[in-house]
Amino acid sequence: FEAIVYVLRTGCQWKALPSERFGSASAVHQKFMDWSKVGFFENIWKMGLAEYDALEGIAWRWQSIDGAMFKAPLAQEAVGPNPTIGEKNGSKRHLLVDGRGVPLSLVVTGANAHDVTQIEQVLD
């Protein structure tokens, strides 16, 4: 788990994981893929939101949804032609936050998905 967090925080490639600290990069990546398939990270997010709600309270009175495109040259899923970068593939993050900016939902699609077409999925 620490190795996965390291990749997320640093943005390094899986192959660039320090093997002396984390062991085999391919084993770590495989664990990440296995956990992703069974919803491990989504469950962590939900538990974190529930704990935050109990401690601080989610600011339900006001929410905001926005999207941001990003390059995804190595992505295998959720990619599409990026309308701002010509023929290059990209992805888009559709994010719902509460009144304090706390992320409540995140959906990743191809870059060509318009925000308005993703509202239902983001609210789900």
C-alpha atoms as a PDB file:
ATOM      1  CA  PHE A   1       0.000   0.000   0.000  1.00  0.00           C
ATOM      2  CA  GLU A   2       2.838   2.386   0.860  1.00  0.00           C
ATOM      3  CA  ALA A   3       4.352   1.818  -2.591  1.00  0.00           C
ATOM      4  CA  ILE A   4       1.043   2.646  -4.299  1.00  0.00           C
ATOM      5  CA  VAL A   5       0.728   5.850  -2.278  1.00  0.00           C
ATOM      6  CA  TYR A   6       4.339   6.681  -3.244  1.00  0.00           C
ATOM      7  CA  VAL A   7       3.469   6.404  -6.957  1.00  0.00           C
ATOM      8  CA  LEU A   8       0.353   8.545  -6.500  1.00  0.00           C
ATOM      9  CA  ARG A   9       2.161  11.251  -4.520  1.00  0.00           C
ATOM     10  CA  THR A  10       5.302  11.467  -6.669  1.00  0.00           C
ATOM     11  CA  GLY A  11       3.753  10.757 -10.062  1.00  0.00           C
ATOM     12  CA  CYS A  12       6.616   8.387 -10.889  1.00  0.00           C
ATOM     13  CA  GLN A  13       6.176   5.446 -13.204  1.00  0.00           C
ATOM     14  CA  TRP A  14       5.666   2.012 -11.672  1.00  0.00           C
ATOM     15  CA  LYS A  15       9.043   0.909 -13.019  1.00  0.00           C
ATOM     16  CA  ALA A  16      10.713   3.831 -11.216  1.00  0.00           C
ATOM     17  CA  LEU A  17       9.675   2.603  -7.752  1.00  0.00           C
ATOM     18  CA  PRO A  18      12.779   2.216  -5.569  1.00  0.00           C
ATOM     19  CA  SER A  19      13.073  -1.593  -5.421  1.00  0.00           C
ATOM     20  CA  GLU A  20      15.252  -1.478  -2.305  1.00  0.00           C
ATOM     21  CA  ARG A  21      12.371   0.186  -0.472  1.00  0.00           C
ATOM     22  CA  PHE A  22       9.296  -1.416  -2.043  1.00  0.00           C
ATOM     23  CA  GLY A  23      10.409  -4.609  -3.754  1.00  0.00           C
ATOM     24  CA  SER A  24       9.262  -5.603  -7.225  1.00  0.00           C
ATOM     25  CA  ALA A  25       7.542  -2.798  -9.123  1.00  0.00           C
ATOM     26  CA  SER A  26       5.576  -5.317 -11.201  1.00  0.00           C
ATOM     27  CA  ALA A  27       4.294  -7.028  -8.024  1.00  0.00           C
ATOM     28  CA  VAL A  28       3.208  -3.663  -6.608  1.00  0.00           C
ATOM     29  CA  HIS A  29       1.472  -2.764  -9.875  1.00  0.00           C
ATOM     30  CA  GLN A  30      -0.291  -6.128  -9.958  1.00  0.00           C
ATOM     31  CA  LYS A  31      -1.543  -5.595  -6.394  1.00  0.00           C
ATOM     32  CA  PHE A  32      -2.788  -2.142  -7.428  1.00  0.00           C
ATOM     33  CA  MET A  33      -4.674  -3.670 -10.381  1.00  0.00           C
ATOM     34  CA  ASP A  34      -6.156  -6.442  -8.210  1.00  0.00           C
ATOM     35  CA  TRP A  35      -7.297  -3.988  -5.532  1.00  0.00           C
ATOM     36  CA  SER A  36      -8.731  -1.625  -8.166  1.00  0.00           C
ATOM     37  CA  LYS A  37     -10.851  -4.407  -9.673  1.00  0.00           C
ATOM     38  CA  VAL A  38     -12.435  -5.288  -6.314  1.00  0.00           C
ATOM     39  CA  GLY A  39     -13.166  -1.650  -5.372  1.00  0.00           C
ATOM     40  CA  PHE A  40     -10.596  -1.382  -2.574  1.00  0.00           C
ATOM     41  CA  PHE A  41      -9.713   2.264  -3.259  1.00  0.00           C
ATOM     42  CA  GLU A  42     -13.329   3.309  -3.746  1.00  0.00           C
ATOM     43  CA  ASN A  43     -14.153   1.757  -0.369  1.00  0.00           C
ATOM     44  CA  ILE A  44     -11.280   3.665   1.278  1.00  0.00           C
ATOM     45  CA  TRP A  45     -12.638   6.895  -0.238  1.00  0.00           C
ATOM     46  CA  LYS A  46     -16.169   6.134   1.013  1.00  0.00           C
ATOM     47  CA  MET A  47     -14.927   5.304   4.513  1.00  0.00           C
ATOM     48  CA  GLY A  48     -12.849   8.490   4.549  1.00  0.00           C
ATOM     49  CA  LEU A  49     -15.863  10.566   3.510  1.00  0.00           C
ATOM     50  CA  ALA A  50     -18.021   8.908   6.173  1.00  0.00           C
ATOM     51  CA  GLU A  51     -15.397   9.681   8.826  1.00  0.00           C
ATOM     52  CA  TYR A  52     -15.038  13.266   7.577  1.00  0.00           C
ATOM     53  CA  ASP A  53     -18.832  13.646   7.640  1.00  0.00           C
ATOM     54  CA  ALA A  54     -18.946  12.384  11.240  1.00  0.00           C
ATOM     55  CA  LEU A  55     -16.109  14.696  12.362  1.00  0.00           C
ATOM     56  CA  GLU A  56     -16.706  17.885  10.356  1.00  0.00           C
ATOM     57  CA  GLY A  57     -19.899  17.348   8.393  1.00  0.00           C
ATOM     58  CA  ILE A  58     -20.077  17.421   4.618  1.00  0.00           C
ATOM     59  CA  ALA A  59     -21.245  20.855   3.427  1.00  0.00           C
ATOM     60  CA  TRP A  60     -24.265  19.636   1.435  1.00  0.00           C
ATOM     61  CA  ARG A  61     -25.829  23.097   1.108  1.00  0.00           C
ATOM     62  CA  TRP A  62     -23.605  23.903  -1.875  1.00  0.00           C
ATOM     63  CA  GLN A  63     -21.738  21.644  -4.301  1.00  0.00           C
ATOM     64  CA  SER A  64     -19.840  22.172  -7.525  1.00  0.00           C
ATOM     65  CA  ILE A  65     -19.046  19.927 -10.486  1.00  0.00           C
ATOM     66  CA  ASP A  66     -16.231  20.692 -12.891  1.00  0.00           C
ATOM     67  CA  GLY A  67     -14.106  18.848 -15.406  1.00  0.00           C
ATOM     68  CA  ALA A  68     -10.478  19.072 -16.454  1.00  0.00           C
ATOM     69  CA  MET A  69      -8.772  17.469 -19.432  1.00  0.00           C
ATOM     70  CA  PHE A  70      -5.304  15.968 -19.197  1.00  0.00           C
ATOM     71  CA  LYS A  71      -2.932  14.088 -21.472  1.00  0.00           C
ATOM     72  CA  ALA A  72      -3.078  10.314 -21.202  1.00  0.00           C
ATOM     73  CA  PRO A  73      -0.517   8.933 -23.652  1.00  0.00           C
ATOM     74  CA  LEU A  74      -0.220   5.558 -21.906  1.00  0.00           C
ATOM     75  CA  ALA A  75      -3.822   5.147 -20.762  1.00  0.00           C
ATOM     76  CA  GLN A  76      -5.637   2.037 -21.905  1.00  0.00           C
ATOM     77  CA  GLU A  77      -9.099   2.951 -20.621  1.00  0.00           C
ATOM     78  CA  ALA A  78     -11.195   6.112 -20.424  1.00  0.00           C
ATOM     79  CA  VAL A  79      -9.454   7.880 -23.287  1.00  0.00           C
ATOM     80  CA  GLY A  80     -10.753   9.722 -26.296  1.00  0.00           C
ATOM     81  CA  PRO A  81      -9.633  12.341 -28.773  1.00  0.00           C
ATOM     82  CA  ASN A  82      -8.761  15.507 -26.903  1.00  0.00           C
ATOM     83  CA  PRO A  83     -10.540  18.376 -28.669  1.00  0.00           C
ATOM     84  CA  THR A  84      -7.863  20.851 -27.573  1.00  0.00           C
ATOM     85  CA  ILE A  85      -4.816  18.762 -28.585  1.00  0.00           C
ATOM     86  CA  GLY A  86      -5.902  17.558 -32.013  1.00  0.00           C
ATOM     87  CA  GLU A  87      -5.633  13.817 -32.585  1.00  0.00           C
ATOM     88  CA  LYS A  88      -3.882  12.960 -29.318  1.00  0.00           C
ATOM     89  CA  ASN A  89      -5.782  10.897 -26.795  1.00  0.00           C
ATOM     90  CA  GLY A  90      -6.586  12.299 -23.416  1.00  0.00           C
ATOM     91  CA  SER A  91      -8.808  11.792 -20.414  1.00  0.00           C
ATOM     92  CA  LYS A  92     -11.040  14.034 -18.375  1.00  0.00           C
ATOM     93  CA  ARG A  93     -11.686  14.198 -14.632  1.00  0.00           C
ATOM     94  CA  HIS A  94     -15.234  15.121 -13.634  1.00  0.00           C
ATOM     95  CA  LEU A  95     -15.181  16.100  -9.967  1.00  0.00           C
ATOM     96  CA  LEU A  96     -17.929  16.899  -7.454  1.00  0.00           C
ATOM     97  CA  VAL A  97     -16.913  18.855  -4.347  1.00  0.00           C
ATOM     98  CA  ASP A  98     -18.853  20.096  -1.337  1.00  0.00           C
ATOM     99  CA  GLY A  99     -19.028  23.676  -0.088  1.00  0.00           C
ATOM    100  CA  ARG A 100     -15.545  23.383   1.466  1.00  0.00           C
ATOM    101  CA  GLY A 101     -13.935  21.863  -1.632  1.00  0.00           C
ATOM    102  CA  VAL A 102     -13.888  18.311  -0.252  1.00  0.00           C
ATOM    103  CA  PRO A 103     -14.002  15.812  -3.170  1.00  0.00           C
ATOM    104  CA  LEU A 104     -17.208  13.781  -3.025  1.00  0.00           C
ATOM    105  CA  SER A 105     -17.109  12.034  -6.397  1.00  0.00           C
ATOM    106  CA  LEU A 106     -14.694  11.536  -9.274  1.00  0.00           C
ATOM    107  CA  VAL A 107     -15.391  10.067 -12.709  1.00  0.00           C
ATOM    108  CA  VAL A 108     -12.714   9.652 -15.400  1.00  0.00           C
ATOM    109  CA  THR A 109     -13.777   9.582 -19.058  1.00  0.00           C
ATOM    110  CA  GLY A 110     -12.310  10.196 -22.467  1.00  0.00           C
ATOM    111  CA  ALA A 111     -11.313  13.815 -23.051  1.00  0.00           C
ATOM    112  CA  ASN A 112     -14.117  14.256 -25.577  1.00  0.00           C
ATOM    113  CA  ALA A 113     -16.875  13.607 -22.994  1.00  0.00           C
ATOM    114  CA  HIS A 114     -18.750  16.827 -22.278  1.00  0.00           C
ATOM    115  CA  ASP A 115     -19.333  17.655 -18.605  1.00  0.00           C
ATOM    116  CA  VAL A 116     -23.100  17.848 -19.006  1.00  0.00           C
ATOM    117  CA  THR A 117     -23.235  14.228 -20.238  1.00  0.00           C
ATOM    118  CA  GLN A 118     -21.487  13.020 -17.072  1.00  0.00           C
ATOM    119  CA  ILE A 119     -23.539  14.794 -14.387  1.00  0.00           C
ATOM    120  CA  GLU A 120     -25.703  11.763 -13.602  1.00  0.00           C
ATOM    121  CA  GLN A 121     -22.697   9.453 -13.223  1.00  0.00           C
ATOM    122  CA  VAL A 122     -20.824  11.982 -11.063  1.00  0.00           C
ATOM    123  CA  LEU A 123     -23.866  12.450  -8.808  1.00  0.00           C
ATOM    124  CA  ASP A 124     -24.325   8.678  -8.554  1.00  0.00           C
END
